[in-house]
Amino acid sequence: MDDSDCYQFHAYLLKTNRFGSAQPRFVVLTTIWMVNAKASFAKQGTASIIKFEKLKWKFPIEAIVKIALTEKADKFNVNIFSDLKKQNEILS
């Protein structure tokens, strides 16, 4: 994060891949970015230590057009729609 960016919110998610395996992820929102990071947990006494392993993707909040949340059985699907032209302009 640079100096003009500021943390806003995060959510811990379990992504289910196409093979049915759960993959822990953190989605982090800042004033500029939406970030998806691979994460793992390590127990240390009574606390859990979060280790961010790899940035999977990030894109500018400014390019988000719509976020759709749908419930299916006991799971939620999140679809994020962005203006690709605007996203590419910001990223270039």
N, C-alpha and C. Protein backbone atom coordinates (compact mmCIF):
# COMPACT_ATOMS: atom_id res chain seq x y z
N MET A 1 0.84 -1.18 0.00
CA MET A 1 0.00 0.00 0.00
C MET A 1 0.89 1.24 0.00
N ASP A 2 0.51 2.20 -0.81
CA ASP A 2 1.27 3.45 -0.78
C ASP A 2 0.62 4.44 0.20
N ASP A 3 1.24 5.59 0.36
CA ASP A 3 0.78 6.56 1.37
C ASP A 3 -0.63 7.10 1.12
N SER A 4 -1.07 7.14 -0.13
CA SER A 4 -2.40 7.68 -0.42
C SER A 4 -3.51 6.63 -0.24
N ASP A 5 -3.12 5.37 -0.02
CA ASP A 5 -4.08 4.28 0.14
C ASP A 5 -4.37 4.04 1.62
N CYS A 6 -5.57 3.56 1.93
CA CYS A 6 -5.94 3.33 3.32
C CYS A 6 -6.82 2.08 3.43
N TYR A 7 -6.48 1.20 4.36
CA TYR A 7 -7.26 -0.02 4.63
C TYR A 7 -8.69 0.34 4.98
N GLN A 8 -9.67 -0.44 4.46
CA GLN A 8 -11.07 -0.22 4.76
C GLN A 8 -11.75 -1.44 5.40
N PHE A 9 -11.49 -2.64 4.85
CA PHE A 9 -12.22 -3.82 5.27
C PHE A 9 -11.50 -5.07 4.78
N HIS A 10 -11.69 -6.18 5.49
CA HIS A 10 -11.18 -7.46 4.99
C HIS A 10 -12.17 -8.56 5.34
N ALA A 11 -12.10 -9.65 4.61
CA ALA A 11 -12.95 -10.80 4.88
C ALA A 11 -12.14 -12.06 4.64
N TYR A 12 -12.28 -13.00 5.53
CA TYR A 12 -11.66 -14.32 5.36
C TYR A 12 -12.67 -15.19 4.64
N LEU A 13 -12.24 -15.81 3.56
CA LEU A 13 -13.13 -16.65 2.76
C LEU A 13 -12.51 -18.01 2.52
N LEU A 14 -13.34 -19.00 2.37
CA LEU A 14 -12.88 -20.31 1.92
C LEU A 14 -13.38 -20.48 0.50
N LYS A 15 -12.46 -20.41 -0.43
CA LYS A 15 -12.79 -20.60 -1.83
C LYS A 15 -12.79 -22.09 -2.11
N THR A 16 -13.80 -22.57 -2.81
CA THR A 16 -13.83 -23.97 -3.22
C THR A 16 -13.41 -24.03 -4.68
N ASN A 17 -12.33 -24.74 -4.95
CA ASN A 17 -11.86 -24.82 -6.33
C ASN A 17 -12.69 -25.83 -7.12
N ARG A 18 -12.38 -25.99 -8.38
CA ARG A 18 -13.18 -26.87 -9.25
C ARG A 18 -13.07 -28.34 -8.88
N PHE A 19 -12.08 -28.70 -8.04
CA PHE A 19 -11.92 -30.08 -7.59
C PHE A 19 -12.57 -30.31 -6.23
N GLY A 20 -13.20 -29.27 -5.67
CA GLY A 20 -13.89 -29.39 -4.40
C GLY A 20 -13.02 -29.16 -3.18
N SER A 21 -11.77 -28.73 -3.38
CA SER A 21 -10.87 -28.46 -2.25
C SER A 21 -11.05 -27.03 -1.76
N ALA A 22 -11.04 -26.85 -0.43
CA ALA A 22 -11.16 -25.52 0.16
C ALA A 22 -9.80 -24.83 0.14
N GLN A 23 -9.81 -23.57 -0.26
CA GLN A 23 -8.59 -22.77 -0.31
C GLN A 23 -8.81 -21.48 0.48
N PRO A 24 -8.06 -21.29 1.58
CA PRO A 24 -8.25 -20.06 2.37
C PRO A 24 -7.78 -18.82 1.62
N ARG A 25 -8.59 -17.78 1.68
CA ARG A 25 -8.27 -16.52 1.02
C ARG A 25 -8.67 -15.35 1.92
N PHE A 26 -7.98 -14.24 1.73
CA PHE A 26 -8.37 -12.97 2.34
C PHE A 26 -8.67 -12.00 1.21
N VAL A 27 -9.84 -11.40 1.26
CA VAL A 27 -10.15 -10.31 0.35
C VAL A 27 -10.02 -9.04 1.17
N VAL A 28 -9.19 -8.13 0.70
CA VAL A 28 -8.92 -6.89 1.42
C VAL A 28 -9.34 -5.72 0.54
N LEU A 29 -10.10 -4.80 1.13
CA LEU A 29 -10.49 -3.58 0.43
C LEU A 29 -9.72 -2.42 1.01
N THR A 30 -9.15 -1.62 0.13
CA THR A 30 -8.54 -0.36 0.53
C THR A 30 -9.28 0.75 -0.21
N THR A 31 -8.86 1.96 -0.05
CA THR A 31 -9.52 3.05 -0.76
C THR A 31 -9.24 3.00 -2.26
N ILE A 32 -8.23 2.23 -2.67
CA ILE A 32 -7.85 2.17 -4.09
C ILE A 32 -8.02 0.77 -4.68
N TRP A 33 -7.77 -0.30 -3.91
CA TRP A 33 -7.69 -1.65 -4.45
C TRP A 33 -8.64 -2.63 -3.79
N MET A 34 -8.99 -3.67 -4.55
CA MET A 34 -9.59 -4.89 -4.02
C MET A 34 -8.54 -5.96 -4.26
N VAL A 35 -8.12 -6.63 -3.19
CA VAL A 35 -7.00 -7.57 -3.24
C VAL A 35 -7.46 -8.95 -2.79
N ASN A 36 -7.02 -9.99 -3.50
CA ASN A 36 -7.27 -11.37 -3.13
C ASN A 36 -5.92 -12.00 -2.82
N ALA A 37 -5.72 -12.41 -1.57
CA ALA A 37 -4.44 -12.98 -1.15
C ALA A 37 -4.63 -14.39 -0.61
N LYS A 38 -3.72 -15.27 -0.98
CA LYS A 38 -3.70 -16.62 -0.43
C LYS A 38 -3.13 -16.51 0.98
N ALA A 39 -3.75 -17.20 1.93
CA ALA A 39 -3.32 -17.09 3.32
C ALA A 39 -3.32 -18.45 4.00
N SER A 40 -2.51 -18.56 5.03
CA SER A 40 -2.53 -19.77 5.86
C SER A 40 -2.48 -19.34 7.32
N PHE A 41 -2.81 -20.28 8.20
CA PHE A 41 -2.86 -20.00 9.63
C PHE A 41 -1.94 -20.95 10.36
N ALA A 42 -1.27 -20.44 11.36
CA ALA A 42 -0.43 -21.27 12.21
C ALA A 42 -0.83 -21.00 13.66
N LYS A 43 -1.10 -22.05 14.41
CA LYS A 43 -1.44 -21.90 15.83
C LYS A 43 -0.17 -21.61 16.62
N GLN A 44 -0.27 -20.61 17.49
CA GLN A 44 0.84 -20.27 18.37
C GLN A 44 0.24 -20.02 19.76
N GLY A 45 0.20 -21.08 20.56
CA GLY A 45 -0.47 -21.00 21.85
C GLY A 45 -1.96 -20.90 21.64
N THR A 46 -2.58 -19.85 22.17
CA THR A 46 -4.02 -19.66 22.00
C THR A 46 -4.34 -18.74 20.81
N ALA A 47 -3.31 -18.23 20.17
CA ALA A 47 -3.50 -17.31 19.04
C ALA A 47 -3.23 -18.01 17.71
N SER A 48 -3.79 -17.45 16.67
CA SER A 48 -3.50 -17.91 15.31
C SER A 48 -2.73 -16.82 14.58
N ILE A 49 -1.68 -17.21 13.94
CA ILE A 49 -0.86 -16.27 13.18
C ILE A 49 -1.25 -16.41 11.71
N ILE A 50 -1.57 -15.29 11.08
CA ILE A 50 -1.94 -15.30 9.67
C ILE A 50 -0.69 -15.04 8.84
N LYS A 51 -0.48 -15.89 7.85
CA LYS A 51 0.64 -15.71 6.94
C LYS A 51 0.08 -15.49 5.54
N PHE A 52 0.37 -14.33 4.97
CA PHE A 52 -0.04 -14.05 3.60
C PHE A 52 1.02 -14.64 2.69
N GLU A 53 0.61 -15.62 1.88
CA GLU A 53 1.56 -16.36 1.07
C GLU A 53 1.76 -15.79 -0.32
N LYS A 54 0.67 -15.38 -0.94
CA LYS A 54 0.79 -14.95 -2.32
C LYS A 54 -0.38 -14.06 -2.69
N LEU A 55 -0.09 -12.98 -3.39
CA LEU A 55 -1.12 -12.12 -3.93
C LEU A 55 -1.67 -12.80 -5.19
N LYS A 56 -2.95 -13.14 -5.19
CA LYS A 56 -3.55 -13.82 -6.34
C LYS A 56 -3.94 -12.82 -7.43
N TRP A 57 -4.60 -11.73 -7.03
CA TRP A 57 -4.94 -10.67 -7.96
C TRP A 57 -5.32 -9.41 -7.19
N LYS A 58 -5.30 -8.30 -7.86
CA LYS A 58 -5.83 -7.06 -7.32
C LYS A 58 -6.31 -6.22 -8.49
N PHE A 59 -7.34 -5.44 -8.25
CA PHE A 59 -7.76 -4.50 -9.28
C PHE A 59 -8.32 -3.25 -8.62
N PRO A 60 -8.35 -2.15 -9.37
CA PRO A 60 -8.76 -0.88 -8.79
C PRO A 60 -10.25 -0.83 -8.48
N ILE A 61 -10.58 -0.35 -7.30
CA ILE A 61 -11.96 -0.19 -6.85
C ILE A 61 -12.73 0.68 -7.84
N GLU A 62 -12.07 1.67 -8.38
CA GLU A 62 -12.68 2.63 -9.30
C GLU A 62 -13.27 1.93 -10.54
N ALA A 63 -12.76 0.77 -10.90
CA ALA A 63 -13.22 0.06 -12.10
C ALA A 63 -14.39 -0.90 -11.82
N ILE A 64 -14.75 -1.09 -10.54
CA ILE A 64 -15.85 -2.00 -10.21
C ILE A 64 -17.17 -1.38 -10.64
N VAL A 65 -17.94 -2.17 -11.38
CA VAL A 65 -19.25 -1.73 -11.86
C VAL A 65 -20.35 -2.30 -10.97
N LYS A 66 -20.21 -3.59 -10.60
CA LYS A 66 -21.25 -4.26 -9.82
C LYS A 66 -20.65 -5.46 -9.10
N ILE A 67 -21.20 -5.75 -7.92
CA ILE A 67 -20.87 -6.96 -7.19
C ILE A 67 -22.19 -7.69 -6.93
N ALA A 68 -22.26 -8.94 -7.37
CA ALA A 68 -23.48 -9.73 -7.20
C ALA A 68 -23.21 -10.85 -6.20
N LEU A 69 -24.07 -10.95 -5.21
CA LEU A 69 -23.97 -11.98 -4.18
C LEU A 69 -25.20 -12.87 -4.29
N THR A 70 -24.98 -14.17 -4.49
CA THR A 70 -26.09 -15.11 -4.57
C THR A 70 -25.85 -16.25 -3.59
N GLU A 71 -26.93 -16.74 -3.02
CA GLU A 71 -26.84 -17.85 -2.07
C GLU A 71 -27.28 -19.13 -2.76
N LYS A 72 -26.47 -20.17 -2.57
CA LYS A 72 -26.79 -21.47 -3.16
C LYS A 72 -26.52 -22.52 -2.09
N ALA A 73 -27.58 -23.16 -1.61
CA ALA A 73 -27.49 -24.13 -0.50
C ALA A 73 -26.89 -23.40 0.70
N ASP A 74 -25.77 -23.88 1.22
CA ASP A 74 -25.15 -23.24 2.39
C ASP A 74 -23.93 -22.43 2.00
N LYS A 75 -23.83 -22.06 0.72
CA LYS A 75 -22.68 -21.29 0.23
C LYS A 75 -23.13 -20.02 -0.46
N PHE A 76 -22.23 -19.07 -0.55
CA PHE A 76 -22.49 -17.83 -1.25
C PHE A 76 -21.54 -17.74 -2.44
N ASN A 77 -22.06 -17.27 -3.55
CA ASN A 77 -21.23 -16.99 -4.71
C ASN A 77 -21.11 -15.49 -4.85
N VAL A 78 -19.89 -15.03 -5.07
CA VAL A 78 -19.63 -13.61 -5.25
C VAL A 78 -19.08 -13.41 -6.65
N ASN A 79 -19.75 -12.59 -7.43
CA ASN A 79 -19.28 -12.24 -8.77
C ASN A 79 -18.98 -10.75 -8.81
N ILE A 80 -17.79 -10.42 -9.27
CA ILE A 80 -17.36 -9.02 -9.34
C ILE A 80 -17.25 -8.64 -10.80
N PHE A 81 -17.95 -7.58 -11.18
CA PHE A 81 -17.94 -7.10 -12.56
C PHE A 81 -17.20 -5.77 -12.61
N SER A 82 -16.32 -5.65 -13.58
CA SER A 82 -15.57 -4.40 -13.69
C SER A 82 -15.59 -3.89 -15.12
N ASP A 83 -15.33 -2.63 -15.24
CA ASP A 83 -15.18 -1.99 -16.55
C ASP A 83 -13.74 -2.25 -16.99
N LEU A 84 -13.56 -3.20 -17.91
CA LEU A 84 -12.21 -3.62 -18.30
C LEU A 84 -11.42 -2.50 -18.95
N LYS A 85 -12.08 -1.66 -19.72
CA LYS A 85 -11.38 -0.53 -20.36
C LYS A 85 -10.84 0.42 -19.29
N LYS A 86 -11.67 0.76 -18.32
CA LYS A 86 -11.25 1.65 -17.24
C LYS A 86 -10.15 0.99 -16.40
N GLN A 87 -10.32 -0.29 -16.12
CA GLN A 87 -9.31 -1.03 -15.35
C GLN A 87 -7.95 -1.01 -16.05
N ASN A 88 -7.94 -1.26 -17.34
CA ASN A 88 -6.69 -1.23 -18.09
C ASN A 88 -6.06 0.14 -18.15
N GLU A 89 -6.90 1.19 -18.25
CA GLU A 89 -6.38 2.57 -18.24
C GLU A 89 -5.69 2.87 -16.91
N ILE A 90 -6.29 2.45 -15.81
CA ILE A 90 -5.73 2.71 -14.48
C ILE A 90 -4.44 1.92 -14.28
N LEU A 91 -4.43 0.68 -14.73
CA LEU A 91 -3.27 -0.18 -14.51
C LEU A 91 -2.10 0.12 -15.44
N SER A 92 -2.35 0.78 -16.54
CA SER A 92 -1.24 1.05 -17.47
C SER A 92 -0.49 2.31 -17.15
